[in-house]
């Protein structure tokens, strides 16, 4: 492991922590209403991906995934009290699908299989937030997702072992966050011109 892995991994953690500050502030103010299902699923699958990255020698590049797991569980706890209250059948389908994916991972008991499954599960977990943000784009703190792009990018560069097990999850999260940011910006522009 070279020093730049530690520096970039540490920087990814710091950016990750900083990215959640405005999100928590906006939750407390009532401006952001996180979807509890998404954040709980993200915390769970990020934790699994973190462990898989550690097993496959991801090194400091895995730190961003670990800190993300912890932050997601904290946000999920806040979301149950101050988050989105409109839980739909679609949200339940995504949540149940996510939990079923986790059970399937337990059956396979292999890091790459786990990462493939939790990456799919994470996408399912993102669906309720994506749906809610499409309808209510001003109820998301966009800076958190923009800074997360930087966090995941640095985390990918900081990986000490680059293989499908270590890069799939953070790479997919990077792409999903990018799509989310673009969608929210487009929706805000559309709604402001109406």
N, C-alpha and C. Protein backbone atom coordinates (compact mmCIF):
# COMPACT_ATOMS: atom_id res chain seq x y z
N UNK A 1 0.85 -1.17 0.00
CA UNK A 1 0.00 0.00 0.00
C UNK A 1 0.90 1.23 0.00
N UNK A 2 0.61 2.16 -0.89
CA UNK A 2 1.38 3.39 -0.95
C UNK A 2 0.67 4.48 -0.17
N UNK A 3 1.44 5.52 0.16
CA UNK A 3 0.89 6.60 0.98
C UNK A 3 -0.31 7.29 0.35
N UNK A 4 -0.33 7.40 -0.99
CA UNK A 4 -1.45 8.12 -1.59
C UNK A 4 -2.78 7.39 -1.37
N UNK A 5 -2.76 6.08 -1.19
CA UNK A 5 -3.99 5.36 -0.89
C UNK A 5 -4.57 5.82 0.46
N UNK A 6 -3.69 5.95 1.44
CA UNK A 6 -4.13 6.38 2.77
C UNK A 6 -4.63 7.81 2.72
N UNK A 7 -3.90 8.68 2.02
CA UNK A 7 -4.30 10.09 1.93
C UNK A 7 -5.65 10.21 1.22
N UNK A 8 -5.81 9.54 0.09
CA UNK A 8 -7.07 9.63 -0.66
C UNK A 8 -8.22 8.96 0.09
N UNK A 9 -7.94 7.84 0.74
CA UNK A 9 -8.97 7.17 1.54
C UNK A 9 -9.42 8.05 2.69
N UNK A 10 -8.46 8.69 3.36
CA UNK A 10 -8.78 9.61 4.45
C UNK A 10 -9.55 10.83 3.95
N UNK A 11 -9.13 11.35 2.82
CA UNK A 11 -9.83 12.50 2.22
C UNK A 11 -11.26 12.13 1.84
N UNK A 12 -11.45 10.93 1.31
CA UNK A 12 -12.80 10.46 0.97
C UNK A 12 -13.68 10.40 2.21
N UNK A 13 -13.12 9.94 3.34
CA UNK A 13 -13.88 9.87 4.59
C UNK A 13 -14.25 11.27 5.06
N UNK A 14 -13.30 12.18 5.03
CA UNK A 14 -13.56 13.56 5.48
C UNK A 14 -14.64 14.20 4.61
N UNK A 15 -14.51 14.05 3.29
CA UNK A 15 -15.52 14.61 2.38
C UNK A 15 -16.87 13.96 2.64
N UNK A 16 -16.86 12.65 2.86
CA UNK A 16 -18.10 11.95 3.18
C UNK A 16 -18.77 12.52 4.41
N UNK A 17 -17.99 12.72 5.46
CA UNK A 17 -18.55 13.28 6.70
C UNK A 17 -19.06 14.69 6.49
N UNK A 18 -18.27 15.51 5.79
CA UNK A 18 -18.68 16.89 5.52
C UNK A 18 -19.94 16.91 4.67
N UNK A 19 -20.07 15.97 3.73
CA UNK A 19 -21.23 15.97 2.84
C UNK A 19 -22.54 15.76 3.59
N UNK A 20 -22.48 15.09 4.73
CA UNK A 20 -23.71 14.83 5.49
C UNK A 20 -24.11 15.98 6.41
N UNK A 21 -23.22 16.93 6.68
CA UNK A 21 -23.54 18.05 7.57
C UNK A 21 -24.73 18.85 7.04
N UNK A 22 -24.70 19.32 5.78
CA UNK A 22 -25.88 20.07 5.31
C UNK A 22 -27.14 19.20 5.24
N UNK A 23 -26.96 17.92 5.02
CA UNK A 23 -28.11 17.02 4.96
C UNK A 23 -28.80 16.94 6.33
N UNK A 24 -27.99 16.73 7.38
CA UNK A 24 -28.56 16.70 8.74
C UNK A 24 -29.17 18.05 9.10
N UNK A 25 -28.50 19.13 8.75
CA UNK A 25 -29.03 20.47 9.02
C UNK A 25 -30.40 20.64 8.37
N UNK A 26 -30.51 20.22 7.11
CA UNK A 26 -31.77 20.38 6.39
C UNK A 26 -32.86 19.44 6.90
N UNK A 27 -32.48 18.28 7.42
CA UNK A 27 -33.47 17.38 8.04
C UNK A 27 -34.05 18.06 9.28
N UNK A 28 -33.17 18.61 10.11
CA UNK A 28 -33.60 19.27 11.35
C UNK A 28 -34.49 20.48 11.03
N UNK A 29 -34.15 21.21 9.99
CA UNK A 29 -34.95 22.38 9.58
C UNK A 29 -36.26 21.99 8.91
N UNK A 30 -36.37 20.74 8.48
CA UNK A 30 -37.57 20.29 7.79
C UNK A 30 -37.53 20.51 6.29
N UNK A 31 -36.39 20.97 5.78
CA UNK A 31 -36.27 21.23 4.34
C UNK A 31 -36.02 19.95 3.56
N UNK A 32 -35.32 19.00 4.15
CA UNK A 32 -35.06 17.72 3.52
C UNK A 32 -35.84 16.66 4.27
N UNK A 33 -36.51 15.83 3.49
CA UNK A 33 -37.31 14.75 4.07
C UNK A 33 -36.83 13.43 3.47
N UNK A 34 -35.83 12.81 4.11
CA UNK A 34 -35.28 11.57 3.55
C UNK A 34 -36.29 10.43 3.60
N UNK A 35 -36.14 9.53 2.66
CA UNK A 35 -37.01 8.36 2.62
C UNK A 35 -36.40 7.28 3.52
N UNK A 36 -37.10 6.86 4.58
CA UNK A 36 -36.50 5.92 5.54
C UNK A 36 -36.09 4.58 4.93
N UNK A 37 -36.86 4.07 3.99
CA UNK A 37 -36.53 2.77 3.39
C UNK A 37 -35.20 2.85 2.65
N UNK A 38 -35.03 3.90 1.85
CA UNK A 38 -33.79 4.04 1.08
C UNK A 38 -32.58 4.08 2.01
N UNK A 39 -32.65 4.91 3.05
CA UNK A 39 -31.49 5.10 3.90
C UNK A 39 -31.17 3.86 4.73
N UNK A 40 -32.18 3.13 5.16
CA UNK A 40 -31.94 1.88 5.88
C UNK A 40 -31.28 0.85 4.96
N UNK A 41 -31.82 0.68 3.77
CA UNK A 41 -31.25 -0.27 2.81
C UNK A 41 -29.82 0.13 2.47
N UNK A 42 -29.59 1.42 2.22
CA UNK A 42 -28.23 1.88 1.89
C UNK A 42 -27.25 1.59 3.02
N UNK A 43 -27.68 1.80 4.26
CA UNK A 43 -26.79 1.50 5.39
C UNK A 43 -26.43 0.03 5.45
N UNK A 44 -27.43 -0.81 5.26
CA UNK A 44 -27.22 -2.25 5.33
C UNK A 44 -26.31 -2.75 4.21
N UNK A 45 -26.63 -2.36 2.97
CA UNK A 45 -25.84 -2.88 1.85
C UNK A 45 -24.45 -2.26 1.80
N UNK A 46 -24.31 -1.01 2.24
CA UNK A 46 -22.98 -0.40 2.29
C UNK A 46 -22.11 -1.15 3.29
N UNK A 47 -22.70 -1.56 4.40
CA UNK A 47 -21.95 -2.35 5.38
C UNK A 47 -21.47 -3.67 4.81
N UNK A 48 -22.33 -4.34 4.05
CA UNK A 48 -21.94 -5.60 3.42
C UNK A 48 -20.84 -5.37 2.39
N UNK A 49 -21.02 -4.33 1.56
CA UNK A 49 -20.00 -4.01 0.55
C UNK A 49 -18.67 -3.66 1.22
N UNK A 50 -18.71 -2.92 2.31
CA UNK A 50 -17.50 -2.57 3.05
C UNK A 50 -16.76 -3.83 3.50
N UNK A 51 -17.49 -4.77 4.09
CA UNK A 51 -16.86 -6.01 4.54
C UNK A 51 -16.28 -6.80 3.37
N UNK A 52 -16.99 -6.85 2.24
CA UNK A 52 -16.47 -7.54 1.06
C UNK A 52 -15.21 -6.86 0.54
N UNK A 53 -15.18 -5.52 0.55
CA UNK A 53 -13.99 -4.80 0.11
C UNK A 53 -12.80 -5.10 1.03
N UNK A 54 -13.04 -5.17 2.31
CA UNK A 54 -11.97 -5.48 3.26
C UNK A 54 -11.44 -6.89 3.00
N UNK A 55 -12.34 -7.85 2.81
CA UNK A 55 -11.94 -9.24 2.55
C UNK A 55 -11.08 -9.33 1.28
N UNK A 56 -11.38 -8.51 0.29
CA UNK A 56 -10.65 -8.54 -0.98
C UNK A 56 -9.57 -7.46 -1.04
N UNK A 57 -9.07 -7.04 0.12
CA UNK A 57 -7.92 -6.13 0.21
C UNK A 57 -8.15 -4.77 -0.44
N UNK A 58 -9.33 -4.20 -0.26
CA UNK A 58 -9.61 -2.88 -0.80
C UNK A 58 -8.83 -1.77 -0.11
N UNK A 59 -8.37 -2.02 1.10
CA UNK A 59 -7.56 -1.05 1.84
C UNK A 59 -8.30 0.24 2.12
N UNK A 60 -7.58 1.37 2.13
CA UNK A 60 -8.19 2.66 2.45
C UNK A 60 -9.32 3.07 1.51
N UNK A 61 -9.36 2.48 0.33
CA UNK A 61 -10.45 2.77 -0.59
C UNK A 61 -11.79 2.29 -0.06
N UNK A 62 -11.77 1.35 0.87
CA UNK A 62 -13.01 0.83 1.46
C UNK A 62 -13.53 1.73 2.58
N UNK A 63 -12.70 2.61 3.09
CA UNK A 63 -13.12 3.45 4.20
C UNK A 63 -14.36 4.28 3.88
N UNK A 64 -14.43 4.81 2.66
CA UNK A 64 -15.58 5.63 2.26
C UNK A 64 -16.86 4.81 2.34
N UNK A 65 -16.78 3.53 1.99
CA UNK A 65 -17.96 2.67 2.05
C UNK A 65 -18.37 2.43 3.50
N UNK A 66 -17.39 2.22 4.37
CA UNK A 66 -17.68 2.00 5.79
C UNK A 66 -18.32 3.21 6.45
N UNK A 67 -17.78 4.39 6.19
CA UNK A 67 -18.34 5.59 6.81
C UNK A 67 -19.72 5.89 6.24
N UNK A 68 -19.93 5.54 4.98
CA UNK A 68 -21.23 5.72 4.36
C UNK A 68 -22.27 4.85 5.04
N UNK A 69 -21.91 3.62 5.36
CA UNK A 69 -22.83 2.71 6.04
C UNK A 69 -23.30 3.30 7.37
N UNK A 70 -22.36 3.78 8.15
CA UNK A 70 -22.70 4.36 9.45
C UNK A 70 -23.61 5.58 9.29
N UNK A 71 -23.24 6.48 8.37
CA UNK A 71 -24.03 7.69 8.15
C UNK A 71 -25.44 7.36 7.66
N UNK A 72 -25.56 6.36 6.81
CA UNK A 72 -26.89 5.98 6.29
C UNK A 72 -27.81 5.48 7.40
N UNK A 73 -27.25 4.69 8.32
CA UNK A 73 -28.08 4.21 9.44
C UNK A 73 -28.53 5.37 10.33
N UNK A 74 -27.65 6.35 10.53
CA UNK A 74 -28.03 7.51 11.35
C UNK A 74 -29.13 8.31 10.65
N UNK A 75 -28.97 8.51 9.34
CA UNK A 75 -30.00 9.24 8.58
C UNK A 75 -31.30 8.46 8.58
N UNK A 76 -31.23 7.13 8.46
CA UNK A 76 -32.45 6.30 8.49
C UNK A 76 -33.19 6.51 9.80
N UNK A 77 -32.46 6.59 10.91
CA UNK A 77 -33.09 6.82 12.21
C UNK A 77 -33.79 8.18 12.22
N UNK A 78 -33.12 9.21 11.71
CA UNK A 78 -33.75 10.54 11.62
C UNK A 78 -34.96 10.49 10.70
N UNK A 79 -34.87 9.73 9.60
CA UNK A 79 -35.95 9.69 8.60
C UNK A 79 -37.23 9.10 9.16
N UNK A 80 -37.11 8.17 10.10
CA UNK A 80 -38.31 7.59 10.68
C UNK A 80 -39.11 8.62 11.48
N UNK A 81 -38.42 9.68 11.95
CA UNK A 81 -39.10 10.70 12.73
C UNK A 81 -39.35 11.98 11.96
N UNK A 82 -38.44 12.33 11.03
CA UNK A 82 -38.55 13.61 10.34
C UNK A 82 -38.51 13.48 8.83
N UNK A 83 -38.69 12.28 8.32
CA UNK A 83 -38.56 12.06 6.89
C UNK A 83 -39.88 11.94 6.16
N UNK A 84 -39.79 11.41 4.97
CA UNK A 84 -40.93 11.21 4.10
C UNK A 84 -41.95 10.28 4.75
N UNK A 85 -43.19 10.70 4.78
CA UNK A 85 -44.25 9.90 5.40
C UNK A 85 -45.05 9.12 4.36
N UNK A 86 -44.97 9.54 3.11
CA UNK A 86 -45.75 8.90 2.06
C UNK A 86 -45.09 7.63 1.56
N UNK A 87 -45.32 6.53 2.24
CA UNK A 87 -44.75 5.24 1.86
C UNK A 87 -45.75 4.55 0.93
N UNK A 88 -45.31 4.20 -0.28
CA UNK A 88 -46.20 3.62 -1.28
C UNK A 88 -45.99 2.11 -1.39
N UNK A 89 -46.86 1.46 -2.14
CA UNK A 89 -46.69 0.03 -2.41
C UNK A 89 -45.37 -0.22 -3.14
N UNK A 90 -45.03 0.68 -4.06
CA UNK A 90 -43.76 0.58 -4.78
C UNK A 90 -42.58 0.59 -3.81
N UNK A 91 -42.64 1.47 -2.81
CA UNK A 91 -41.58 1.54 -1.80
C UNK A 91 -41.46 0.22 -1.05
N UNK A 92 -42.60 -0.38 -0.70
CA UNK A 92 -42.58 -1.67 0.00
C UNK A 92 -42.00 -2.77 -0.88
N UNK A 93 -42.34 -2.75 -2.18
CA UNK A 93 -41.79 -3.75 -3.10
C UNK A 93 -40.26 -3.62 -3.16
N UNK A 94 -39.77 -2.38 -3.25
CA UNK A 94 -38.32 -2.15 -3.28
C UNK A 94 -37.67 -2.62 -1.98
N UNK A 95 -38.28 -2.31 -0.86
CA UNK A 95 -37.73 -2.68 0.44
C UNK A 95 -37.70 -4.21 0.59
N UNK A 96 -38.79 -4.87 0.25
CA UNK A 96 -38.84 -6.34 0.35
C UNK A 96 -37.85 -6.97 -0.62
N UNK A 97 -37.73 -6.40 -1.82
CA UNK A 97 -36.74 -6.89 -2.78
C UNK A 97 -35.33 -6.75 -2.25
N UNK A 98 -35.06 -5.65 -1.59
CA UNK A 98 -33.74 -5.43 -1.01
C UNK A 98 -33.45 -6.47 0.07
N UNK A 99 -34.41 -6.70 0.93
CA UNK A 99 -34.21 -7.69 2.00
C UNK A 99 -34.06 -9.10 1.41
N UNK A 100 -34.81 -9.43 0.35
CA UNK A 100 -34.69 -10.74 -0.29
C UNK A 100 -33.29 -10.89 -0.90
N UNK A 101 -32.77 -9.82 -1.47
CA UNK A 101 -31.42 -9.87 -2.02
C UNK A 101 -30.38 -10.16 -0.96
N UNK A 102 -30.58 -9.62 0.21
CA UNK A 102 -29.64 -9.86 1.31
C UNK A 102 -29.70 -11.32 1.75
N UNK A 103 -30.89 -11.88 1.81
CA UNK A 103 -31.02 -13.31 2.15
C UNK A 103 -30.30 -14.17 1.11
N UNK A 104 -30.48 -13.81 -0.17
CA UNK A 104 -29.82 -14.55 -1.24
C UNK A 104 -28.30 -14.48 -1.09
N UNK A 105 -27.78 -13.30 -0.70
CA UNK A 105 -26.35 -13.17 -0.49
C UNK A 105 -25.87 -14.13 0.60
N UNK A 106 -26.64 -14.24 1.67
CA UNK A 106 -26.26 -15.14 2.76
C UNK A 106 -26.14 -16.58 2.27
N UNK A 107 -26.97 -16.94 1.31
CA UNK A 107 -26.93 -18.29 0.77
C UNK A 107 -25.66 -18.50 -0.07
N UNK A 108 -25.25 -17.50 -0.86
CA UNK A 108 -24.08 -17.65 -1.73
C UNK A 108 -22.78 -17.59 -0.94
N UNK A 109 -22.71 -16.73 0.08
CA UNK A 109 -21.54 -16.63 0.96
C UNK A 109 -20.22 -16.45 0.21
N UNK A 110 -20.21 -15.59 -0.80
CA UNK A 110 -19.01 -15.32 -1.61
C UNK A 110 -18.94 -13.82 -1.83
N UNK A 111 -17.77 -13.17 -1.61
CA UNK A 111 -17.70 -11.72 -1.68
C UNK A 111 -18.19 -11.10 -3.00
N UNK A 112 -17.79 -11.64 -4.14
CA UNK A 112 -18.22 -11.04 -5.40
C UNK A 112 -19.73 -11.18 -5.56
N UNK A 113 -20.26 -12.35 -5.24
CA UNK A 113 -21.72 -12.53 -5.30
C UNK A 113 -22.41 -11.53 -4.38
N UNK A 114 -21.85 -11.35 -3.20
CA UNK A 114 -22.42 -10.39 -2.24
C UNK A 114 -22.43 -8.99 -2.82
N UNK A 115 -21.32 -8.59 -3.45
CA UNK A 115 -21.23 -7.24 -3.99
C UNK A 115 -22.19 -7.06 -5.16
N UNK A 116 -22.30 -8.05 -6.02
CA UNK A 116 -23.26 -7.95 -7.13
C UNK A 116 -24.67 -7.79 -6.57
N UNK A 117 -25.00 -8.61 -5.60
CA UNK A 117 -26.35 -8.56 -5.02
C UNK A 117 -26.60 -7.24 -4.30
N UNK A 118 -25.65 -6.80 -3.47
CA UNK A 118 -25.90 -5.55 -2.73
C UNK A 118 -25.89 -4.34 -3.66
N UNK A 119 -25.20 -4.42 -4.78
CA UNK A 119 -25.25 -3.33 -5.75
C UNK A 119 -26.64 -3.24 -6.37
N UNK A 120 -27.21 -4.38 -6.70
CA UNK A 120 -28.58 -4.41 -7.22
C UNK A 120 -29.55 -3.93 -6.13
N UNK A 121 -29.35 -4.42 -4.92
CA UNK A 121 -30.21 -4.04 -3.79
C UNK A 121 -30.11 -2.54 -3.55
N UNK A 122 -28.91 -1.98 -3.65
CA UNK A 122 -28.74 -0.55 -3.45
C UNK A 122 -29.54 0.22 -4.49
N UNK A 123 -29.51 -0.25 -5.72
CA UNK A 123 -30.31 0.38 -6.76
C UNK A 123 -31.79 0.34 -6.42
N UNK A 124 -32.26 -0.82 -5.91
CA UNK A 124 -33.66 -0.92 -5.47
C UNK A 124 -33.93 0.04 -4.31
N UNK A 125 -32.95 0.16 -3.42
CA UNK A 125 -33.10 1.07 -2.29
C UNK A 125 -33.15 2.52 -2.73
N UNK A 126 -32.48 2.84 -3.84
CA UNK A 126 -32.46 4.21 -4.35
C UNK A 126 -33.79 4.58 -5.01
N UNK A 127 -34.50 3.59 -5.51
CA UNK A 127 -35.72 3.85 -6.27
C UNK A 127 -36.74 4.72 -5.52
N UNK A 128 -37.06 4.45 -4.24
CA UNK A 128 -38.03 5.32 -3.55
C UNK A 128 -37.55 6.78 -3.44
N UNK A 129 -36.26 6.97 -3.18
CA UNK A 129 -35.74 8.34 -3.08
C UNK A 129 -35.76 9.00 -4.45
N UNK A 130 -35.41 8.26 -5.48
CA UNK A 130 -35.43 8.80 -6.84
C UNK A 130 -36.86 9.23 -7.20
N UNK A 131 -37.83 8.35 -6.90
CA UNK A 131 -39.24 8.65 -7.18
C UNK A 131 -39.68 9.90 -6.42
N UNK A 132 -39.36 9.96 -5.12
CA UNK A 132 -39.76 11.09 -4.29
C UNK A 132 -39.10 12.39 -4.78
N UNK A 133 -37.81 12.32 -5.13
CA UNK A 133 -37.10 13.51 -5.59
C UNK A 133 -37.59 13.99 -6.95
N UNK A 134 -38.06 13.07 -7.77
CA UNK A 134 -38.63 13.46 -9.05
C UNK A 134 -39.88 14.30 -8.83
N UNK A 135 -40.70 13.87 -7.87
CA UNK A 135 -41.94 14.59 -7.56
C UNK A 135 -41.70 15.83 -6.72
N UNK A 136 -40.72 15.77 -5.80
CA UNK A 136 -40.44 16.86 -4.87
C UNK A 136 -38.93 17.15 -4.87
N UNK A 137 -38.40 17.71 -5.97
CA UNK A 137 -36.95 17.88 -6.10
C UNK A 137 -36.33 18.87 -5.11
N UNK A 138 -37.14 19.70 -4.49
CA UNK A 138 -36.59 20.65 -3.53
C UNK A 138 -36.50 20.07 -2.12
N UNK A 139 -36.92 18.83 -1.93
CA UNK A 139 -36.84 18.18 -0.62
C UNK A 139 -35.59 17.31 -0.49
N UNK A 140 -34.62 17.53 -1.34
CA UNK A 140 -33.33 16.83 -1.24
C UNK A 140 -32.22 17.85 -1.17
N UNK A 141 -31.22 17.56 -0.36
CA UNK A 141 -30.05 18.42 -0.23
C UNK A 141 -29.03 17.98 -1.27
N UNK A 142 -29.00 18.66 -2.38
CA UNK A 142 -28.20 18.24 -3.53
C UNK A 142 -26.71 18.25 -3.25
N UNK A 143 -26.25 19.16 -2.39
CA UNK A 143 -24.81 19.23 -2.10
C UNK A 143 -24.29 17.91 -1.52
N UNK A 144 -25.13 17.21 -0.77
CA UNK A 144 -24.72 15.92 -0.21
C UNK A 144 -24.39 14.93 -1.33
N UNK A 145 -25.22 14.90 -2.35
CA UNK A 145 -25.00 13.96 -3.45
C UNK A 145 -23.83 14.39 -4.33
N UNK A 146 -23.63 15.69 -4.51
CA UNK A 146 -22.50 16.19 -5.28
C UNK A 146 -21.19 15.84 -4.56
N UNK A 147 -21.13 16.11 -3.26
CA UNK A 147 -19.93 15.76 -2.50
C UNK A 147 -19.73 14.24 -2.45
N UNK A 148 -20.81 13.48 -2.47
CA UNK A 148 -20.69 12.02 -2.51
C UNK A 148 -20.04 11.56 -3.80
N UNK A 149 -20.28 12.28 -4.90
CA UNK A 149 -19.58 11.94 -6.15
C UNK A 149 -18.07 12.02 -5.94
N UNK A 150 -17.62 13.08 -5.30
CA UNK A 150 -16.20 13.25 -5.02
C UNK A 150 -15.71 12.17 -4.06
N UNK A 151 -16.48 11.88 -3.02
CA UNK A 151 -16.12 10.84 -2.05
C UNK A 151 -15.92 9.50 -2.73
N UNK A 152 -16.92 9.08 -3.54
CA UNK A 152 -16.83 7.77 -4.21
C UNK A 152 -15.70 7.75 -5.23
N UNK A 153 -15.49 8.87 -5.94
CA UNK A 153 -14.39 8.93 -6.91
C UNK A 153 -13.04 8.75 -6.23
N UNK A 154 -12.83 9.47 -5.12
CA UNK A 154 -11.58 9.33 -4.37
C UNK A 154 -11.45 7.93 -3.77
N UNK A 155 -12.56 7.39 -3.28
CA UNK A 155 -12.53 6.03 -2.74
C UNK A 155 -12.10 5.01 -3.78
N UNK A 156 -12.59 5.18 -5.00
CA UNK A 156 -12.19 4.27 -6.08
C UNK A 156 -10.69 4.37 -6.36
N UNK A 157 -10.17 5.58 -6.40
CA UNK A 157 -8.74 5.78 -6.67
C UNK A 157 -7.89 5.23 -5.52
N UNK A 158 -8.42 5.29 -4.29
CA UNK A 158 -7.67 4.86 -3.11
C UNK A 158 -7.65 3.34 -2.91
N UNK A 159 -8.39 2.60 -3.71
CA UNK A 159 -8.39 1.14 -3.54
C UNK A 159 -6.99 0.58 -3.78
N UNK A 160 -6.55 -0.30 -2.89
CA UNK A 160 -5.22 -0.89 -3.05
C UNK A 160 -5.26 -2.14 -3.91
N UNK A 161 -6.42 -2.73 -4.03
CA UNK A 161 -6.60 -3.90 -4.88
C UNK A 161 -7.82 -3.62 -5.76
N UNK A 162 -7.57 -3.53 -7.06
CA UNK A 162 -8.63 -3.20 -8.00
C UNK A 162 -9.11 -4.49 -8.67
N UNK A 163 -10.33 -4.88 -8.30
CA UNK A 163 -10.96 -6.05 -8.90
C UNK A 163 -12.46 -5.79 -8.87
N UNK A 164 -13.21 -6.65 -9.50
CA UNK A 164 -14.65 -6.44 -9.59
C UNK A 164 -15.31 -6.34 -8.21
N UNK A 165 -14.81 -7.12 -7.26
CA UNK A 165 -15.38 -7.09 -5.91
C UNK A 165 -15.19 -5.73 -5.25
N UNK A 166 -14.03 -5.10 -5.48
CA UNK A 166 -13.76 -3.83 -4.80
C UNK A 166 -14.32 -2.62 -5.55
N UNK A 167 -14.46 -2.69 -6.88
CA UNK A 167 -14.87 -1.48 -7.62
C UNK A 167 -16.35 -1.43 -8.00
N UNK A 168 -17.02 -2.57 -8.06
CA UNK A 168 -18.40 -2.58 -8.56
C UNK A 168 -19.33 -1.70 -7.73
N UNK A 169 -19.36 -1.89 -6.43
CA UNK A 169 -20.29 -1.14 -5.58
C UNK A 169 -20.02 0.36 -5.61
N UNK A 170 -18.80 0.83 -5.31
CA UNK A 170 -18.60 2.29 -5.33
C UNK A 170 -18.76 2.88 -6.73
N UNK A 171 -18.38 2.12 -7.77
CA UNK A 171 -18.56 2.62 -9.13
C UNK A 171 -20.03 2.79 -9.48
N UNK A 172 -20.84 1.82 -9.09
CA UNK A 172 -22.28 1.91 -9.36
C UNK A 172 -22.92 3.04 -8.57
N UNK A 173 -22.48 3.23 -7.31
CA UNK A 173 -23.03 4.31 -6.49
C UNK A 173 -22.67 5.66 -7.11
N UNK A 174 -21.44 5.77 -7.61
CA UNK A 174 -21.01 6.99 -8.28
C UNK A 174 -21.96 7.30 -9.45
N UNK A 175 -22.23 6.31 -10.28
CA UNK A 175 -23.10 6.50 -11.45
C UNK A 175 -24.53 6.84 -11.02
N UNK A 176 -25.04 6.13 -10.00
CA UNK A 176 -26.41 6.43 -9.52
C UNK A 176 -26.50 7.84 -8.96
N UNK A 177 -25.50 8.26 -8.18
CA UNK A 177 -25.52 9.62 -7.63
C UNK A 177 -25.46 10.65 -8.74
N UNK A 178 -24.64 10.39 -9.75
CA UNK A 178 -24.54 11.32 -10.87
C UNK A 178 -25.89 11.45 -11.57
N UNK A 179 -26.54 10.31 -11.84
CA UNK A 179 -27.86 10.35 -12.47
C UNK A 179 -28.88 11.08 -11.61
N UNK A 180 -28.80 10.86 -10.30
CA UNK A 180 -29.71 11.51 -9.37
C UNK A 180 -29.52 13.03 -9.39
N UNK A 181 -28.29 13.49 -9.33
CA UNK A 181 -28.00 14.93 -9.33
C UNK A 181 -28.52 15.56 -10.62
N UNK A 182 -28.24 14.93 -11.75
CA UNK A 182 -28.69 15.46 -13.04
C UNK A 182 -30.22 15.52 -13.08
N UNK A 183 -30.89 14.44 -12.64
CA UNK A 183 -32.35 14.41 -12.65
C UNK A 183 -32.93 15.52 -11.76
N UNK A 184 -32.40 15.69 -10.56
CA UNK A 184 -32.92 16.72 -9.65
C UNK A 184 -32.72 18.11 -10.25
N UNK A 185 -31.56 18.37 -10.84
CA UNK A 185 -31.32 19.67 -11.45
C UNK A 185 -32.30 19.93 -12.60
N UNK A 186 -32.53 18.92 -13.41
CA UNK A 186 -33.48 19.07 -14.52
C UNK A 186 -34.89 19.32 -13.98
N UNK A 187 -35.30 18.54 -12.98
CA UNK A 187 -36.65 18.72 -12.41
C UNK A 187 -36.81 20.09 -11.75
N UNK A 188 -35.78 20.57 -11.07
CA UNK A 188 -35.87 21.90 -10.45
C UNK A 188 -36.03 22.97 -11.53
N UNK A 189 -35.28 22.80 -12.61
CA UNK A 189 -35.38 23.78 -13.71
C UNK A 189 -36.77 23.71 -14.34
N UNK A 190 -37.28 22.49 -14.55
CA UNK A 190 -38.62 22.35 -15.13
C UNK A 190 -39.69 22.99 -14.25
N UNK A 191 -39.62 22.73 -12.95
CA UNK A 191 -40.64 23.25 -12.04
C UNK A 191 -40.53 24.76 -11.84
N UNK A 192 -39.32 25.30 -11.92
CA UNK A 192 -39.17 26.74 -11.73
C UNK A 192 -39.63 27.52 -12.96
N UNK A 193 -39.67 26.86 -14.11
CA UNK A 193 -40.12 27.56 -15.33
C UNK A 193 -41.62 27.43 -15.56
N UNK A 194 -42.29 26.71 -14.66
CA UNK A 194 -43.75 26.52 -14.81
C UNK A 194 -44.50 27.62 -14.10
